[in-house]
Every structure is written in structure tokens, then in C-alpha cells.
C-alpha atoms as a PDB file:
ATOM      1  CA  UNK A   1     -50.192 186.186  22.109  1.00  0.00           C
ATOM      2  CA  UNK A   2     -46.587 186.158  20.874  1.00  0.00           C
ATOM      3  CA  UNK A   3     -44.273 189.134  20.720  1.00  0.00           C
ATOM      4  CA  UNK A   4     -44.630 189.610  16.984  1.00  0.00           C
ATOM      5  CA  UNK A   5     -48.429 189.741  17.254  1.00  0.00           C
ATOM      6  CA  UNK A   6     -48.313 192.231  20.137  1.00  0.00           C
ATOM      7  CA  UNK A   7     -45.863 194.493  18.352  1.00  0.00           C
ATOM      8  CA  UNK A   8     -48.177 194.799  15.322  1.00  0.00           C
ATOM      9  CA  UNK A   9     -51.354 195.348  17.313  1.00  0.00           C
ATOM     10  CA  UNK A  10     -51.361 199.138  18.085  1.00  0.00           C
ATOM     11  CA  UNK A  11     -53.675 201.261  15.961  1.00  0.00           C
ATOM     12  CA  UNK A  12     -53.548 204.970  15.138  1.00  0.00           C
ATOM     13  CA  UNK A  13     -56.745 206.697  16.289  1.00  0.00           C
ATOM     14  CA  UNK A  14     -55.776 210.305  15.579  1.00  0.00           C
ATOM     15  CA  UNK A  15     -52.707 212.110  14.262  1.00  0.00           C
ATOM     16  CA  UNK A  16     -51.634 215.626  13.365  1.00  0.00           C
ATOM     17  CA  UNK A  17     -48.460 217.699  13.559  1.00  0.00           C
ATOM     18  CA  UNK A  18     -48.597 217.806  17.378  1.00  0.00           C
ATOM     19  CA  UNK A  19     -50.071 214.491  18.470  1.00  0.00           C
ATOM     20  CA  UNK A  20     -50.249 210.772  17.837  1.00  0.00           C
ATOM     21  CA  UNK A  21     -53.129 209.069  19.652  1.00  0.00           C
ATOM     22  CA  UNK A  22     -52.894 205.285  19.766  1.00  0.00           C
ATOM     23  CA  UNK A  23     -55.060 202.352  20.770  1.00  0.00           C
ATOM     24  CA  UNK A  24     -52.736 200.277  22.932  1.00  0.00           C
ATOM     25  CA  UNK A  25     -53.370 196.525  22.981  1.00  0.00           C
ATOM     26  CA  UNK A  26     -53.404 194.625  26.257  1.00  0.00           C
ATOM     27  CA  UNK A  27     -50.125 192.870  26.987  1.00  0.00           C
ATOM     28  CA  UNK A  28     -47.887 195.545  25.502  1.00  0.00           C
ATOM     29  CA  UNK A  29     -45.577 197.618  27.696  1.00  0.00           C
ATOM     30  CA  UNK A  30     -45.617 201.391  27.298  1.00  0.00           C
ATOM     31  CA  UNK A  31     -41.887 201.685  27.918  1.00  0.00           C
ATOM     32  CA  UNK A  32     -39.044 199.255  28.425  1.00  0.00           C
ATOM     33  CA  UNK A  33     -37.369 198.692  31.772  1.00  0.00           C
ATOM     34  CA  UNK A  34     -34.663 196.520  33.296  1.00  0.00           C
ATOM     35  CA  UNK A  35     -37.086 193.686  34.061  1.00  0.00           C
ATOM     36  CA  UNK A  36     -38.341 193.464  30.474  1.00  0.00           C
ATOM     37  CA  UNK A  37     -35.290 194.122  28.326  1.00  0.00           C
ATOM     38  CA  UNK A  38     -35.770 193.178  24.714  1.00  0.00           C
ATOM     39  CA  UNK A  39     -39.572 193.105  24.848  1.00  0.00           C
ATOM     40  CA  UNK A  40     -41.602 195.146  22.350  1.00  0.00           C
ATOM     41  CA  UNK A  41     -43.018 198.419  23.656  1.00  0.00           C
ATOM     42  CA  UNK A  42     -45.617 200.894  22.504  1.00  0.00           C
ATOM     43  CA  UNK A  43     -42.990 203.652  22.458  1.00  0.00           C
ATOM     44  CA  UNK A  44     -40.737 201.656  20.131  1.00  0.00           C
ATOM     45  CA  UNK A  45     -43.705 200.933  17.856  1.00  0.00           C
ATOM     46  CA  UNK A  46     -44.682 204.624  17.813  1.00  0.00           C
ATOM     47  CA  UNK A  47     -41.149 205.820  17.044  1.00  0.00           C
ATOM     48  CA  UNK A  48     -40.822 203.314  14.218  1.00  0.00           C
ATOM     49  CA  UNK A  49     -44.192 204.411  12.859  1.00  0.00           C
ATOM     50  CA  UNK A  50     -43.194 208.093  12.958  1.00  0.00           C
ATOM     51  CA  UNK A  51     -39.858 207.396  11.326  1.00  0.00           C
ATOM     52  CA  UNK A  52     -41.615 205.478   8.563  1.00  0.00           C
ATOM     53  CA  UNK A  53     -43.980 208.385   7.968  1.00  0.00           C
ATOM     54  CA  UNK A  54     -41.094 210.839   7.533  1.00  0.00           C
ATOM     55  CA  UNK A  55     -41.332 212.547  10.932  1.00  0.00           C
ATOM     56  CA  UNK A  56     -38.111 214.391  11.811  1.00  0.00           C
ATOM     57  CA  UNK A  57     -37.559 216.433  14.978  1.00  0.00           C
ATOM     58  CA  UNK A  58     -34.929 217.276  17.566  1.00  0.00           C
ATOM     59  CA  UNK A  59     -37.583 216.588  20.202  1.00  0.00           C
ATOM     60  CA  UNK A  60     -37.961 213.019  21.424  1.00  0.00           C
ATOM     61  CA  UNK A  61     -41.710 212.191  21.304  1.00  0.00           C
ATOM     62  CA  UNK A  62     -43.107 211.255  24.709  1.00  0.00           C
ATOM     63  CA  UNK A  63     -46.316 209.798  26.105  1.00  0.00           C
ATOM     64  CA  UNK A  64     -48.447 212.178  28.131  1.00  0.00           C
ATOM     65  CA  UNK A  65     -49.824 209.437  30.401  1.00  0.00           C
ATOM     66  CA  UNK A  66     -49.348 205.724  30.933  1.00  0.00           C
ATOM     67  CA  UNK A  67     -51.449 202.598  30.936  1.00  0.00           C
ATOM     68  CA  UNK A  68     -50.632 199.412  32.794  1.00  0.00           C
ATOM     69  CA  UNK A  69     -49.374 196.543  30.688  1.00  0.00           C
ATOM     70  CA  UNK A  70     -52.680 194.638  30.854  1.00  0.00           C
ATOM     71  CA  UNK A  71     -54.813 197.724  30.220  1.00  0.00           C
ATOM     72  CA  UNK A  72     -55.873 198.370  26.640  1.00  0.00           C
ATOM     73  CA  UNK A  73     -57.037 201.592  25.060  1.00  0.00           C
ATOM     74  CA  UNK A  74     -56.338 205.174  24.150  1.00  0.00           C
ATOM     75  CA  UNK A  75     -53.094 206.952  24.981  1.00  0.00           C
ATOM     76  CA  UNK A  76     -51.478 210.179  23.692  1.00  0.00           C
ATOM     77  CA  UNK A  77     -47.966 210.697  22.354  1.00  0.00           C
ATOM     78  CA  UNK A  78     -46.782 214.322  22.126  1.00  0.00           C
ATOM     79  CA  UNK A  79     -44.687 214.997  19.027  1.00  0.00           C
ATOM     80  CA  UNK A  80     -43.384 218.399  20.163  1.00  0.00           C
ATOM     81  CA  UNK A  81     -42.172 220.001  23.375  1.00  0.00           C
ATOM     82  CA  UNK A  82     -44.946 222.579  23.182  1.00  0.00           C
ATOM     83  CA  UNK A  83     -47.612 219.890  22.857  1.00  0.00           C
ATOM     84  CA  UNK A  84     -46.161 217.946  25.783  1.00  0.00           C
ATOM     85  CA  UNK A  85     -46.066 221.033  27.990  1.00  0.00           C
ATOM     86  CA  UNK A  86     -49.639 221.957  27.091  1.00  0.00           C
ATOM     87  CA  UNK A  87     -51.019 218.489  27.822  1.00  0.00           C
ATOM     88  CA  UNK A  88     -49.005 218.129  31.025  1.00  0.00           C
ATOM     89  CA  UNK A  89     -50.458 221.456  32.159  1.00  0.00           C
ATOM     90  CA  UNK A  90     -53.958 220.212  31.375  1.00  0.00           C
ATOM     91  CA  UNK A  91     -53.312 217.046  33.350  1.00  0.00           C
ATOM     92  CA  UNK A  92     -52.101 219.053  36.330  1.00  0.00           C
ATOM     93  CA  UNK A  93     -55.194 221.250  36.194  1.00  0.00           C
ATOM     94  CA  UNK A  94     -57.461 218.192  35.721  1.00  0.00           C
ATOM     95  CA  UNK A  95     -58.633 219.472  32.335  1.00  0.00           C
ATOM     96  CA  UNK A  96     -58.122 216.165  30.512  1.00  0.00           C
ATOM     97  CA  UNK A  97     -61.147 213.893  30.803  1.00  0.00           C
ATOM     98  CA  UNK A  98     -60.536 210.137  30.674  1.00  0.00           C
ATOM     99  CA  UNK A  99     -63.086 207.365  30.429  1.00  0.00           C
ATOM    100  CA  UNK A 100     -62.562 203.683  31.112  1.00  0.00           C
ATOM    101  CA  UNK A 101     -64.653 200.541  30.826  1.00  0.00           C
ATOM    102  CA  UNK A 102     -64.218 197.801  33.408  1.00  0.00           C
ATOM    103  CA  UNK A 103     -65.898 194.573  34.460  1.00  0.00           C
ATOM    104  CA  UNK A 104     -66.067 194.337  38.249  1.00  0.00           C
ATOM    105  CA  UNK A 105     -66.732 191.525  40.678  1.00  0.00           C
ATOM    106  CA  UNK A 106     -69.823 192.262  42.751  1.00  0.00           C
ATOM    107  CA  UNK A 107     -72.887 194.472  42.499  1.00  0.00           C
ATOM    108  CA  UNK A 108     -71.800 198.078  42.535  1.00  0.00           C
ATOM    109  CA  UNK A 109     -74.246 200.965  42.993  1.00  0.00           C
ATOM    110  CA  UNK A 110     -75.721 202.464  39.806  1.00  0.00           C
ATOM    111  CA  UNK A 111     -73.448 205.485  40.170  1.00  0.00           C
ATOM    112  CA  UNK A 112     -71.071 206.922  42.686  1.00  0.00           C
ATOM    113  CA  UNK A 113     -67.819 208.654  43.497  1.00  0.00           C
ATOM    114  CA  UNK A 114     -64.922 206.944  45.262  1.00  0.00           C
ATOM    115  CA  UNK A 115     -62.779 209.437  47.157  1.00  0.00           C
ATOM    116  CA  UNK A 116     -59.972 207.685  48.982  1.00  0.00           C
ATOM    117  CA  UNK A 117     -56.394 208.727  49.651  1.00  0.00           C
ATOM    118  CA  UNK A 118     -53.896 206.201  48.300  1.00  0.00           C
ATOM    119  CA  UNK A 119     -50.422 205.349  49.498  1.00  0.00           C
ATOM    120  CA  UNK A 120     -47.821 202.961  48.130  1.00  0.00           C
ATOM    121  CA  UNK A 121     -47.118 199.998  50.411  1.00  0.00           C
ATOM    122  CA  UNK A 122     -45.097 196.833  49.958  1.00  0.00           C
ATOM    123  CA  UNK A 123     -46.862 193.476  49.998  1.00  0.00           C
ATOM    124  CA  UNK A 124     -44.006 191.485  51.482  1.00  0.00           C
ATOM    125  CA  UNK A 125     -45.623 188.101  50.882  1.00  0.00           C
ATOM    126  CA  UNK A 126     -45.666 188.690  47.120  1.00  0.00           C
ATOM    127  CA  UNK A 127     -42.913 191.336  47.193  1.00  0.00           C
ATOM    128  CA  UNK A 128     -45.004 193.717  45.150  1.00  0.00           C
ATOM    129  CA  UNK A 129     -45.829 197.400  45.566  1.00  0.00           C
ATOM    130  CA  UNK A 130     -49.529 198.164  46.007  1.00  0.00           C
ATOM    131  CA  UNK A 131     -51.536 201.366  46.268  1.00  0.00           C
ATOM    132  CA  UNK A 132     -53.723 201.066  49.366  1.00  0.00           C
ATOM    133  CA  UNK A 133     -56.335 203.399  50.878  1.00  0.00           C
ATOM    134  CA  UNK A 134     -55.263 205.297  53.986  1.00  0.00           C
ATOM    135  CA  UNK A 135     -57.134 207.577  56.369  1.00  0.00           C
ATOM    136  CA  UNK A 136     -54.186 209.873  56.932  1.00  0.00           C
ATOM    137  CA  UNK A 137     -51.461 210.869  54.536  1.00  0.00           C
ATOM    138  CA  UNK A 138     -51.215 209.423  51.078  1.00  0.00           C
ATOM    139  CA  UNK A 139     -52.415 211.201  47.942  1.00  0.00           C
ATOM    140  CA  UNK A 140     -56.004 212.243  47.295  1.00  0.00           C
ATOM    141  CA  UNK A 141     -57.671 210.270  44.500  1.00  0.00           C
ATOM    142  CA  UNK A 142     -61.183 210.454  43.059  1.00  0.00           C
ATOM    143  CA  UNK A 143     -62.962 208.044  40.731  1.00  0.00           C
ATOM    144  CA  UNK A 144     -66.507 208.668  39.468  1.00  0.00           C
ATOM    145  CA  UNK A 145     -68.418 205.806  37.884  1.00  0.00           C
ATOM    146  CA  UNK A 146     -71.713 204.715  36.331  1.00  0.00           C
ATOM    147  CA  UNK A 147     -72.898 201.133  36.169  1.00  0.00           C
ATOM    148  CA  UNK A 148     -73.849 200.214  32.602  1.00  0.00           C
ATOM    149  CA  UNK A 149     -75.049 196.656  33.205  1.00  0.00           C
ATOM    150  CA  UNK A 150     -75.417 194.049  35.919  1.00  0.00           C
ATOM    151  CA  UNK A 151     -75.411 190.284  35.548  1.00  0.00           C
ATOM    152  CA  UNK A 152     -74.603 187.073  37.399  1.00  0.00           C
ATOM    153  CA  UNK A 153     -72.369 184.155  36.474  1.00  0.00           C
ATOM    154  CA  UNK A 154     -72.064 181.016  38.565  1.00  0.00           C
ATOM    155  CA  UNK A 155     -73.429 182.749  41.628  1.00  0.00           C
ATOM    156  CA  UNK A 156     -71.091 185.731  41.243  1.00  0.00           C
ATOM    157  CA  UNK A 157     -72.612 189.115  40.453  1.00  0.00           C
ATOM    158  CA  UNK A 158     -70.723 191.279  37.966  1.00  0.00           C
ATOM    159  CA  UNK A 159     -70.970 194.998  37.211  1.00  0.00           C
ATOM    160  CA  UNK A 160     -69.972 196.493  33.880  1.00  0.00           C
ATOM    161  CA  UNK A 161     -69.027 200.123  34.504  1.00  0.00           C
ATOM    162  CA  UNK A 162     -67.809 203.309  32.922  1.00  0.00           C
ATOM    163  CA  UNK A 163     -65.306 205.080  35.149  1.00  0.00           C
ATOM    164  CA  UNK A 164     -63.857 208.583  35.078  1.00  0.00           C
ATOM    165  CA  UNK A 165     -60.689 209.046  37.126  1.00  0.00           C
ATOM    166  CA  UNK A 166     -60.693 212.683  38.219  1.00  0.00           C
ATOM    167  CA  UNK A 167     -57.110 212.300  39.403  1.00  0.00           C
ATOM    168  CA  UNK A 168     -54.329 210.306  37.802  1.00  0.00           C
ATOM    169  CA  UNK A 169     -52.764 208.163  40.496  1.00  0.00           C
ATOM    170  CA  UNK A 170     -50.864 204.937  39.908  1.00  0.00           C
ATOM    171  CA  UNK A 171     -53.266 201.962  39.831  1.00  0.00           C
ATOM    172  CA  UNK A 172     -56.060 204.326  40.863  1.00  0.00           C
ATOM    173  CA  UNK A 173     -59.021 202.481  39.353  1.00  0.00           C
ATOM    174  CA  UNK A 174     -57.690 199.090  40.398  1.00  0.00           C
ATOM    175  CA  UNK A 175     -57.065 200.191  43.978  1.00  0.00           C
ATOM    176  CA  UNK A 176     -60.317 202.150  44.320  1.00  0.00           C
ATOM    177  CA  UNK A 177     -62.625 199.408  43.065  1.00  0.00           C
ATOM    178  CA  UNK A 178     -60.818 196.805  45.168  1.00  0.00           C
ATOM    179  CA  UNK A 179     -61.145 199.067  48.215  1.00  0.00           C
ATOM    180  CA  UNK A 180     -64.955 199.088  47.960  1.00  0.00           C
ATOM    181  CA  UNK A 181     -65.090 195.318  47.520  1.00  0.00           C
ATOM    182  CA  UNK A 182     -65.517 195.180  43.731  1.00  0.00           C
ATOM    183  CA  UNK A 183     -62.110 194.500  42.144  1.00  0.00           C
ATOM    184  CA  UNK A 184     -61.654 194.337  38.388  1.00  0.00           C
ATOM    185  CA  UNK A 185     -62.124 190.898  36.849  1.00  0.00           C
ATOM    186  CA  UNK A 186     -58.761 189.366  35.950  1.00  0.00           C
ATOM    187  CA  UNK A 187     -56.725 191.685  38.176  1.00  0.00           C
ATOM    188  CA  UNK A 188     -54.297 189.360  39.919  1.00  0.00           C
ATOM    189  CA  UNK A 189     -52.700 192.141  41.963  1.00  0.00           C
ATOM    190  CA  UNK A 190     -55.796 193.650  43.611  1.00  0.00           C
ATOM    191  CA  UNK A 191     -58.427 191.068  42.747  1.00  0.00           C
ATOM    192  CA  UNK A 192     -59.821 187.755  43.963  1.00  0.00           C
ATOM    193  CA  UNK A 193     -57.567 184.967  42.703  1.00  0.00           C
ATOM    194  CA  UNK A 194     -60.123 182.155  43.070  1.00  0.00           C
ATOM    195  CA  UNK A 195     -62.731 183.967  40.986  1.00  0.00           C
ATOM    196  CA  UNK A 196     -60.162 185.082  38.427  1.00  0.00           C
ATOM    197  CA  UNK A 197     -59.042 181.479  37.973  1.00  0.00           C
ATOM    198  CA  UNK A 198     -62.646 180.310  37.555  1.00  0.00           C
ATOM    199  CA  UNK A 199     -63.366 182.970  34.964  1.00  0.00           C
ATOM    200  CA  UNK A 200     -60.261 182.099  32.981  1.00  0.00           C
ATOM    201  CA  UNK A 201     -61.700 178.627  32.517  1.00  0.00           C
ATOM    202  CA  UNK A 202     -65.400 179.473  32.248  1.00  0.00           C
ATOM    203  CA  UNK A 203     -65.429 182.828  30.429  1.00  0.00           C
ATOM    204  CA  UNK A 204     -62.091 182.892  28.632  1.00  0.00           C
ATOM    205  CA  UNK A 205     -60.758 185.833  30.639  1.00  0.00           C
ATOM    206  CA  UNK A 206     -57.104 186.228  29.666  1.00  0.00           C
ATOM    207  CA  UNK A 207     -56.200 189.491  31.414  1.00  0.00           C
ATOM    208  CA  UNK A 208     -57.465 192.316  33.590  1.00  0.00           C
ATOM    209  CA  UNK A 209     -60.661 193.640  31.974  1.00  0.00           C
ATOM    210  CA  UNK A 210     -59.861 197.356  32.045  1.00  0.00           C
ATOM    211  CA  UNK A 211     -59.984 199.462  28.872  1.00  0.00           C
ATOM    212  CA  UNK A 212     -59.238 203.155  28.351  1.00  0.00           C
ATOM    213  CA  UNK A 213     -62.223 203.899  26.128  1.00  0.00           C
ATOM    214  CA  UNK A 214     -61.968 207.650  25.480  1.00  0.00           C
ATOM    215  CA  UNK A 215     -60.023 210.803  26.207  1.00  0.00           C
ATOM    216  CA  UNK A 216     -60.966 214.472  25.785  1.00  0.00           C
ATOM    217  CA  UNK A 217     -58.604 217.440  25.871  1.00  0.00           C
ATOM    218  CA  UNK A 218     -57.929 220.881  24.445  1.00  0.00           C
ATOM    219  CA  UNK A 219     -55.739 220.690  21.366  1.00  0.00           C
ATOM    220  CA  UNK A 220     -52.341 222.222  22.227  1.00  0.00           C
ATOM    221  CA  UNK A 221     -52.331 224.434  19.116  1.00  0.00           C
ATOM    222  CA  UNK A 222     -55.941 225.214  18.210  1.00  0.00           C
ATOM    223  CA  UNK A 223     -57.386 224.916  21.747  1.00  0.00           C
ATOM    224  CA  UNK A 224     -60.386 223.163  20.243  1.00  0.00           C
ATOM    225  CA  UNK A 225     -61.842 220.258  22.185  1.00  0.00           C
ATOM    226  CA  UNK A 226     -60.653 216.910  20.850  1.00  0.00           C
ATOM    227  CA  UNK A 227     -62.311 213.649  21.862  1.00  0.00           C
ATOM    228  CA  UNK A 228     -60.836 210.333  20.764  1.00  0.00           C
ATOM    229  CA  UNK A 229     -62.452 206.968  21.477  1.00  0.00           C
ATOM    230  CA  UNK A 230     -61.027 203.460  21.330  1.00  0.00           C
ATOM    231  CA  UNK A 231     -63.458 200.577  20.694  1.00  0.00           C
ATOM    232  CA  UNK A 232     -63.490 197.641  23.065  1.00  0.00           C
ATOM    233  CA  UNK A 233     -60.979 194.978  22.030  1.00  0.00           C
ATOM    234  CA  UNK A 234     -62.222 191.572  20.944  1.00  0.00           C
ATOM    235  CA  UNK A 235     -61.137 189.749  24.108  1.00  0.00           C
ATOM    236  CA  UNK A 236     -63.189 192.122  26.293  1.00  0.00           C
ATOM    237  CA  UNK A 237     -66.196 191.962  23.964  1.00  0.00           C
ATOM    238  CA  UNK A 238     -66.010 188.182  23.927  1.00  0.00           C
ATOM    239  CA  UNK A 239     -66.395 187.979  27.709  1.00  0.00           C
ATOM    240  CA  UNK A 240     -69.338 190.367  27.631  1.00  0.00           C
ATOM    241  CA  UNK A 241     -71.010 188.297  24.905  1.00  0.00           C
ATOM    242  CA  UNK A 242     -70.642 185.179  27.003  1.00  0.00           C
ATOM    243  CA  UNK A 243     -72.324 187.023  29.848  1.00  0.00           C
ATOM    244  CA  UNK A 244     -75.123 188.073  27.473  1.00  0.00           C
ATOM    245  CA  UNK A 245     -74.635 191.730  28.376  1.00  0.00           C
ATOM    246  CA  UNK A 246     -75.864 194.526  26.227  1.00  0.00           C
ATOM    247  CA  UNK A 247     -73.003 196.964  26.196  1.00  0.00           C
ATOM    248  CA  UNK A 248     -72.031 200.265  24.622  1.00  0.00           C
ATOM    249  CA  UNK A 249     -68.831 200.377  22.557  1.00  0.00           C
END
């Protein structure tokens, strides 16, 4: 996927005077940084979109939460300071409900709750920062999940799950599922490299199969419950079709 294709890929799922809810494509950064100068970002796309629609404000629109580069799905941009404050307050109070879809390596239980403290540690062999489970210290994190389907490919069992992170820690779902022995397919940071490489060739896996499928929150102005869903992207659906899974969009 080239830069031009990525930059055009975001889709507007919901918009009003306070909010812009987008479906972020996999491969697109949320924000720029020193390591990726000049690359397209979701923020740049959103600001260009708002400018083109006539949006004018002294407030600089900001995302309420972030998704990893390889993660696709729903994310919220606040268009006013009041909206940002309201949604940040809801996040702090755990009032915003998020749902994800993920394909995991291994047979996971039909449902469960992963409650493990996480702490950032440096993997000095790869010189990368990881979130790892710790018995003492760290930050409490909770992930609830339901298994939607189970299959097997080439002797490897796979679980298709819906996950609800009850806390919002960095890499939480990736670290939690890896910690119980079922990392996300295609995750090269927390996953199983040999299986990921096999699945790239055999199933056409091109990235980490994690998708932010829905989000629910109280509207910052009306206080009414708003639920926005993002359909599975084609690359994720394609892998599931190859596995002959019946899945829920």
C-alpha cells in the first residue's frame, strides 16, 4: 500500500458540531513523530477534511484516544475544547466502551477476563519498548473477551474474538493476549514470528489482525448514548474467508 493510497483511505463514520469519528485504515499513523517525518497521518487527513468542509475554530482538534499504526478501526476526534474535556473525563471514569476484533493464535476459552498489571520494559535485543505483565508495580489493566469462532490451519488453532478493554493502557490487548499464550496473528512485537511468517505466505496476512470495531460514549453536548461501529476491513475479512470462519461484522 503506497502513501497516496493510505492517505485517501480514512472514512467518516459520524460527524456533528462536536465530533468527527473516523475509520482509520491499517498502516496509517495517528500522529507524526521524528521517526516518520513526512509520512501521511490520520490527524493531517482529518484537519484537511475539516478545512475543506468549512470548519473554523481557535481550538486545535485533537484525538481522544490512539490506535497503533497497524490497528484499523474507529477513533474519535474532538472538534472543541468542551468535547475533548467531556470525553477525556469519560475515559478517566471508564465510561467509554470500546470493542475490538482480533484473530489470536491458540485456542482461547469461550469467554474470560484478563487482569494483569503491565509495565514498560526495554527489549534490549530488539531495542524496543514492550508492555509486560508484572506481579508487583506496573499499572492495572483489564481486558474482557468472548470467543466468536474457533478453527485450525496447518495444525495451528486460531481463535476469533471480540475484546473489551476496560482500561486503556498502551498495547494492552497485544500484551494481555500474548501473556496468556495467545498473541494476535501478525503481531511481530508480541507474537510468534515463525507462525506470522507462515501465515503471510499461506493466508495473505499483511499486518497485525486487530480492529477497533465499535465505540460507545455519552455525547458531550446532549449526553445521549452514541454508538459508532466500523466494519471489518477487506484484508481482515479476506483472512477469515480463507479460514472458512463465519464471523460477525
